[in-house]
Structures are given as structure tokens and as C-alpha cells.
Amino acid sequence: AVVSTQSTGKIEMQVVPGSPVLLIELIRPDLKYPLGFSVKDGHITTLVRGSIGERAGVRVGHRIIAINGESTVTLDHDSIAGILLSETGKLLLKTMPSQIFNLMLGLEEPEYL
């Protein structure tokens, strides 16, 4: 017996325009004010609700690729954390989704549909 393989459902896909890279401007007046997010190996892992980071647009699951115009791609965890812990005033972050970052560097294989 042959079973029909025709689909009875409809799938719609939509391409959303825009760059995956976010530019985030943090304002930290003094070191006594925490940025409100955690980083592991350059990846943002947690975010405190109402923090400087959340209000500026920091996103969990993103990779920090630059701080104040300087690439962080080759920096280790301690270097990135050191910069974030010591900066005051305006702090410019450039981030992108970790999955896209990992695909670009060949750290993950794409899943094909």
C-alpha cells in the first residue's frame, strides 16, 4: 500500500531585514554601579532586570565582539571581564548572537532544513 505524502499544512517563512550586530551604549557614572550582566568567554550569559545593561539593550545569548571600537574576538575571558569591570563613563559594545558568531568562526555546523 502506498501512503500519501502530501502535506496538509502550510509553512510561511519571513526574512527579517537588518544586521545581526547590535551597537549598545552603556553609561556607567562610577565603578560602584554594576553593569548588571555576566559574561563567560565573551558571551553574555545573564542579565539583571532594570540594570544599566538591560536599559541599554544588552541581550543574553549575544557575543561581545568589540568594546569601545576595539575587537574582543581574540581576547580571553579575563581580558574582556577586566575591561568591563574597570571602565566608567560611556562604554560602547558591539554584540551579535552567539550562534551566528560561532557559525562564522566554524565553531558550529549549520543545521539544514
N, C-alpha and C. Protein backbone atom coordinates (compact mmCIF):
# COMPACT_ATOMS: atom_id res chain seq x y z
N ALA A 1 0.85 -1.17 0.00
CA ALA A 1 0.00 0.00 0.00
C ALA A 1 0.89 1.23 0.00
N VAL A 2 0.49 2.21 -0.77
CA VAL A 2 1.21 3.48 -0.85
C VAL A 2 0.45 4.51 -0.02
N VAL A 3 1.20 5.21 0.85
CA VAL A 3 0.59 6.22 1.71
C VAL A 3 0.90 7.59 1.11
N SER A 4 -0.06 8.46 1.06
CA SER A 4 0.13 9.80 0.51
C SER A 4 1.11 10.59 1.38
N THR A 5 2.01 11.29 0.74
CA THR A 5 2.98 12.11 1.48
C THR A 5 2.70 13.59 1.30
N GLN A 6 1.53 13.92 0.80
CA GLN A 6 1.19 15.32 0.61
C GLN A 6 0.97 15.99 1.96
N SER A 7 1.50 17.22 2.06
CA SER A 7 1.35 17.98 3.29
C SER A 7 -0.04 18.59 3.37
N THR A 8 -0.59 18.59 4.55
CA THR A 8 -1.89 19.22 4.74
C THR A 8 -1.76 20.58 5.40
N GLY A 9 -0.53 20.96 5.80
CA GLY A 9 -0.32 22.25 6.45
C GLY A 9 0.41 23.21 5.54
N LYS A 10 0.50 24.44 6.00
CA LYS A 10 1.15 25.49 5.23
C LYS A 10 2.24 26.11 6.11
N ILE A 11 3.42 26.26 5.56
CA ILE A 11 4.53 26.88 6.28
C ILE A 11 4.88 28.19 5.60
N GLU A 12 4.96 29.23 6.39
CA GLU A 12 5.36 30.53 5.86
C GLU A 12 6.67 30.95 6.51
N MET A 13 7.59 31.45 5.71
CA MET A 13 8.85 31.95 6.24
C MET A 13 8.97 33.42 5.86
N GLN A 14 9.52 34.18 6.76
CA GLN A 14 9.70 35.60 6.51
C GLN A 14 11.13 35.98 6.85
N VAL A 15 11.78 36.67 5.92
CA VAL A 15 13.13 37.16 6.16
C VAL A 15 13.01 38.53 6.80
N VAL A 16 13.65 38.69 7.94
CA VAL A 16 13.60 39.95 8.65
C VAL A 16 14.86 40.74 8.30
N PRO A 17 14.70 41.93 7.71
CA PRO A 17 15.89 42.70 7.33
C PRO A 17 16.60 43.27 8.56
N GLY A 18 17.87 43.51 8.41
CA GLY A 18 18.62 44.13 9.50
C GLY A 18 19.89 43.38 9.80
N SER A 19 20.80 44.05 10.40
CA SER A 19 22.08 43.46 10.76
C SER A 19 21.95 42.69 12.06
N PRO A 20 22.65 41.57 12.18
CA PRO A 20 22.62 40.85 13.45
C PRO A 20 23.49 41.52 14.52
N VAL A 21 24.25 42.54 14.11
CA VAL A 21 25.15 43.21 15.04
C VAL A 21 24.42 44.36 15.74
N LEU A 22 24.51 44.39 17.08
CA LEU A 22 23.91 45.47 17.86
C LEU A 22 25.00 46.41 18.35
N LEU A 23 24.73 47.69 18.31
CA LEU A 23 25.60 48.69 18.92
C LEU A 23 24.91 49.16 20.19
N ILE A 24 25.59 49.01 21.31
CA ILE A 24 24.99 49.30 22.60
C ILE A 24 25.85 50.33 23.32
N GLU A 25 25.20 51.39 23.77
CA GLU A 25 25.91 52.44 24.52
C GLU A 25 25.51 52.37 25.98
N LEU A 26 26.46 51.99 26.81
CA LEU A 26 26.24 51.93 28.25
C LEU A 26 26.82 53.18 28.88
N ILE A 27 26.12 53.75 29.84
CA ILE A 27 26.63 54.89 30.60
C ILE A 27 26.78 54.44 32.05
N ARG A 28 28.02 54.41 32.50
CA ARG A 28 28.32 53.99 33.87
C ARG A 28 29.03 55.14 34.57
N PRO A 29 28.34 55.86 35.45
CA PRO A 29 28.94 57.05 36.06
C PRO A 29 30.11 56.76 36.99
N ASP A 30 30.10 55.59 37.63
CA ASP A 30 31.13 55.27 38.62
C ASP A 30 31.23 53.75 38.75
N LEU A 31 32.37 53.25 39.19
CA LEU A 31 32.55 51.80 39.35
C LEU A 31 31.63 51.18 40.38
N LYS A 32 31.06 52.00 41.26
CA LYS A 32 30.14 51.45 42.27
C LYS A 32 28.82 50.99 41.66
N TYR A 33 28.57 51.36 40.39
CA TYR A 33 27.35 50.93 39.70
C TYR A 33 27.67 49.73 38.81
N PRO A 34 27.12 48.55 39.13
CA PRO A 34 27.39 47.37 38.29
C PRO A 34 26.69 47.50 36.93
N LEU A 35 27.28 46.88 35.93
CA LEU A 35 26.68 46.90 34.59
C LEU A 35 25.44 46.01 34.54
N GLY A 36 25.39 44.98 35.39
CA GLY A 36 24.18 44.18 35.51
C GLY A 36 24.08 43.01 34.55
N PHE A 37 25.21 42.52 34.06
CA PHE A 37 25.18 41.32 33.24
C PHE A 37 26.45 40.52 33.48
N SER A 38 26.37 39.21 33.19
CA SER A 38 27.51 38.32 33.35
C SER A 38 28.01 37.89 31.99
N VAL A 39 29.32 37.67 31.92
CA VAL A 39 29.96 37.27 30.67
C VAL A 39 30.80 36.03 30.92
N LYS A 40 30.71 35.07 30.01
CA LYS A 40 31.57 33.89 30.05
C LYS A 40 32.20 33.73 28.67
N ASP A 41 33.52 33.87 28.61
CA ASP A 41 34.26 33.77 27.35
C ASP A 41 33.69 34.69 26.27
N GLY A 42 33.28 35.88 26.68
CA GLY A 42 32.77 36.88 25.74
C GLY A 42 31.29 36.78 25.45
N HIS A 43 30.64 35.72 25.93
CA HIS A 43 29.21 35.52 25.69
C HIS A 43 28.42 36.03 26.90
N ILE A 44 27.37 36.79 26.65
CA ILE A 44 26.53 37.33 27.72
C ILE A 44 25.60 36.21 28.19
N THR A 45 25.73 35.87 29.47
CA THR A 45 25.00 34.70 30.00
C THR A 45 23.83 35.04 30.90
N THR A 46 23.89 36.16 31.62
CA THR A 46 22.78 36.57 32.48
C THR A 46 22.65 38.08 32.43
N LEU A 47 21.45 38.55 32.77
CA LEU A 47 21.16 39.98 32.73
C LEU A 47 20.22 40.31 33.88
N VAL A 48 20.56 41.33 34.65
CA VAL A 48 19.75 41.74 35.78
C VAL A 48 18.67 42.71 35.31
N ARG A 49 17.45 42.40 35.67
CA ARG A 49 16.31 43.25 35.28
C ARG A 49 16.47 44.65 35.87
N GLY A 50 16.29 45.67 35.02
CA GLY A 50 16.38 47.06 35.46
C GLY A 50 17.80 47.60 35.54
N SER A 51 18.79 46.80 35.18
CA SER A 51 20.19 47.21 35.29
C SER A 51 20.60 48.16 34.16
N ILE A 52 21.79 48.72 34.30
CA ILE A 52 22.35 49.58 33.24
C ILE A 52 22.36 48.80 31.93
N GLY A 53 22.79 47.54 31.99
CA GLY A 53 22.87 46.72 30.78
C GLY A 53 21.52 46.49 30.13
N GLU A 54 20.52 46.14 30.92
CA GLU A 54 19.19 45.89 30.35
C GLU A 54 18.62 47.16 29.73
N ARG A 55 18.75 48.27 30.43
CA ARG A 55 18.21 49.54 29.91
C ARG A 55 18.90 49.97 28.62
N ALA A 56 20.17 49.57 28.44
CA ALA A 56 20.91 49.95 27.23
C ALA A 56 20.65 49.00 26.06
N GLY A 57 20.09 47.81 26.32
CA GLY A 57 19.79 46.88 25.24
C GLY A 57 20.68 45.65 25.17
N VAL A 58 21.44 45.36 26.22
CA VAL A 58 22.26 44.16 26.26
C VAL A 58 21.34 42.94 26.19
N ARG A 59 21.75 41.90 25.45
CA ARG A 59 20.92 40.71 25.29
C ARG A 59 21.67 39.45 25.69
N VAL A 60 21.00 38.62 26.47
CA VAL A 60 21.55 37.30 26.81
C VAL A 60 21.63 36.49 25.52
N GLY A 61 22.72 35.71 25.38
CA GLY A 61 22.88 34.90 24.18
C GLY A 61 23.65 35.61 23.08
N HIS A 62 24.16 36.80 23.38
CA HIS A 62 24.98 37.53 22.41
C HIS A 62 26.44 37.43 22.79
N ARG A 63 27.30 37.58 21.80
CA ARG A 63 28.76 37.58 21.98
C ARG A 63 29.25 39.00 21.82
N ILE A 64 30.05 39.49 22.76
CA ILE A 64 30.65 40.82 22.64
C ILE A 64 31.79 40.71 21.64
N ILE A 65 31.69 41.46 20.54
CA ILE A 65 32.73 41.39 19.51
C ILE A 65 33.62 42.63 19.50
N ALA A 66 33.21 43.69 20.21
CA ALA A 66 34.06 44.88 20.33
C ALA A 66 33.63 45.70 21.54
N ILE A 67 34.62 46.34 22.16
CA ILE A 67 34.36 47.28 23.25
C ILE A 67 35.10 48.56 22.91
N ASN A 68 34.37 49.66 22.86
CA ASN A 68 34.94 50.97 22.52
C ASN A 68 35.74 50.93 21.22
N GLY A 69 35.21 50.20 20.23
CA GLY A 69 35.84 50.15 18.91
C GLY A 69 37.00 49.17 18.78
N GLU A 70 37.38 48.50 19.87
CA GLU A 70 38.47 47.54 19.84
C GLU A 70 37.90 46.11 19.83
N SER A 71 38.34 45.31 18.87
CA SER A 71 37.85 43.94 18.75
C SER A 71 38.16 43.12 20.01
N THR A 72 37.20 42.29 20.41
CA THR A 72 37.39 41.38 21.54
C THR A 72 37.39 39.92 21.07
N VAL A 73 37.36 39.72 19.76
CA VAL A 73 37.22 38.38 19.21
C VAL A 73 38.34 37.44 19.66
N THR A 74 39.56 37.95 19.76
CA THR A 74 40.69 37.09 20.14
C THR A 74 41.05 37.20 21.62
N LEU A 75 40.31 38.02 22.38
CA LEU A 75 40.63 38.19 23.80
C LEU A 75 40.08 37.04 24.63
N ASP A 76 40.78 36.70 25.70
CA ASP A 76 40.30 35.67 26.61
C ASP A 76 39.31 36.27 27.60
N HIS A 77 38.70 35.40 28.40
CA HIS A 77 37.67 35.82 29.35
C HIS A 77 38.18 36.90 30.31
N ASP A 78 39.36 36.67 30.89
CA ASP A 78 39.88 37.62 31.88
C ASP A 78 40.11 39.01 31.29
N SER A 79 40.54 39.07 30.04
CA SER A 79 40.76 40.38 29.40
C SER A 79 39.45 41.12 29.19
N ILE A 80 38.45 40.41 28.68
CA ILE A 80 37.14 41.04 28.46
C ILE A 80 36.53 41.48 29.78
N ALA A 81 36.55 40.60 30.78
CA ALA A 81 36.00 40.93 32.10
C ALA A 81 36.75 42.11 32.70
N GLY A 82 38.06 42.15 32.55
CA GLY A 82 38.86 43.25 33.09
C GLY A 82 38.47 44.59 32.50
N ILE A 83 38.23 44.62 31.20
CA ILE A 83 37.80 45.86 30.55
C ILE A 83 36.44 46.29 31.09
N LEU A 84 35.49 45.34 31.12
CA LEU A 84 34.13 45.67 31.57
C LEU A 84 34.10 46.10 33.03
N LEU A 85 34.93 45.51 33.86
CA LEU A 85 34.94 45.84 35.29
C LEU A 85 35.63 47.16 35.60
N SER A 86 36.49 47.65 34.70
CA SER A 86 37.29 48.83 35.01
C SER A 86 36.84 50.12 34.31
N GLU A 87 35.94 50.02 33.35
CA GLU A 87 35.54 51.20 32.56
C GLU A 87 34.42 51.99 33.24
N THR A 88 34.52 53.31 33.15
CA THR A 88 33.43 54.19 33.59
C THR A 88 33.14 55.17 32.45
N GLY A 89 32.03 55.90 32.61
CA GLY A 89 31.62 56.82 31.55
C GLY A 89 30.89 56.06 30.46
N LYS A 90 31.14 56.47 29.21
CA LYS A 90 30.47 55.84 28.07
C LYS A 90 31.24 54.60 27.66
N LEU A 91 30.52 53.50 27.51
CA LEU A 91 31.09 52.22 27.11
C LEU A 91 30.30 51.74 25.89
N LEU A 92 30.97 51.61 24.75
CA LEU A 92 30.30 51.19 23.53
C LEU A 92 30.59 49.71 23.27
N LEU A 93 29.53 48.91 23.25
CA LEU A 93 29.65 47.48 22.97
C LEU A 93 29.09 47.19 21.59
N LYS A 94 29.73 46.28 20.91
CA LYS A 94 29.20 45.74 19.67
C LYS A 94 29.00 44.26 19.93
N THR A 95 27.75 43.77 19.76
CA THR A 95 27.45 42.37 20.03
C THR A 95 26.72 41.75 18.85
N MET A 96 26.72 40.43 18.83
CA MET A 96 25.94 39.70 17.84
C MET A 96 25.50 38.37 18.47
N PRO A 97 24.45 37.75 17.94
CA PRO A 97 24.01 36.48 18.50
C PRO A 97 25.15 35.46 18.52
N SER A 98 25.32 34.78 19.63
CA SER A 98 26.41 33.81 19.79
C SER A 98 26.39 32.74 18.71
N GLN A 99 25.21 32.29 18.32
CA GLN A 99 25.11 31.23 17.32
C GLN A 99 25.67 31.70 15.98
N ILE A 100 25.39 32.93 15.58
CA ILE A 100 25.93 33.46 14.33
C ILE A 100 27.44 33.62 14.44
N PHE A 101 27.91 34.11 15.58
CA PHE A 101 29.34 34.25 15.82
C PHE A 101 30.03 32.90 15.68
N ASN A 102 29.48 31.88 16.32
CA ASN A 102 30.08 30.54 16.27
C ASN A 102 30.06 29.96 14.86
N LEU A 103 29.00 30.20 14.10
CA LEU A 103 28.94 29.73 12.71
C LEU A 103 30.00 30.42 11.86
N MET A 104 30.17 31.72 12.07
CA MET A 104 31.16 32.48 11.29
C MET A 104 32.57 31.98 11.54
N LEU A 105 32.86 31.57 12.76
CA LEU A 105 34.19 31.09 13.11
C LEU A 105 34.36 29.58 12.89
N GLY A 106 33.30 28.93 12.44
CA GLY A 106 33.37 27.50 12.19
C GLY A 106 33.34 26.67 13.46
N LEU A 107 32.88 27.26 14.56
CA LEU A 107 32.80 26.54 15.83
C LEU A 107 31.56 25.67 15.91
N GLU A 108 30.59 25.93 15.04
CA GLU A 108 29.35 25.14 14.97
C GLU A 108 29.07 24.86 13.51
N GLU A 109 28.35 23.77 13.27
CA GLU A 109 27.92 23.42 11.93
C GLU A 109 26.47 23.89 11.75
N PRO A 110 26.15 24.43 10.57
CA PRO A 110 24.77 24.86 10.35
C PRO A 110 23.83 23.66 10.27
N GLU A 111 22.59 23.87 10.66
CA GLU A 111 21.56 22.84 10.53
C GLU A 111 20.73 23.18 9.30
N TYR A 112 20.70 22.27 8.37
CA TYR A 112 19.96 22.49 7.15
C TYR A 112 18.57 21.88 7.27
N LEU A 113 17.59 22.58 6.73
CA LEU A 113 16.21 22.10 6.76
C LEU A 113 15.90 21.29 5.54
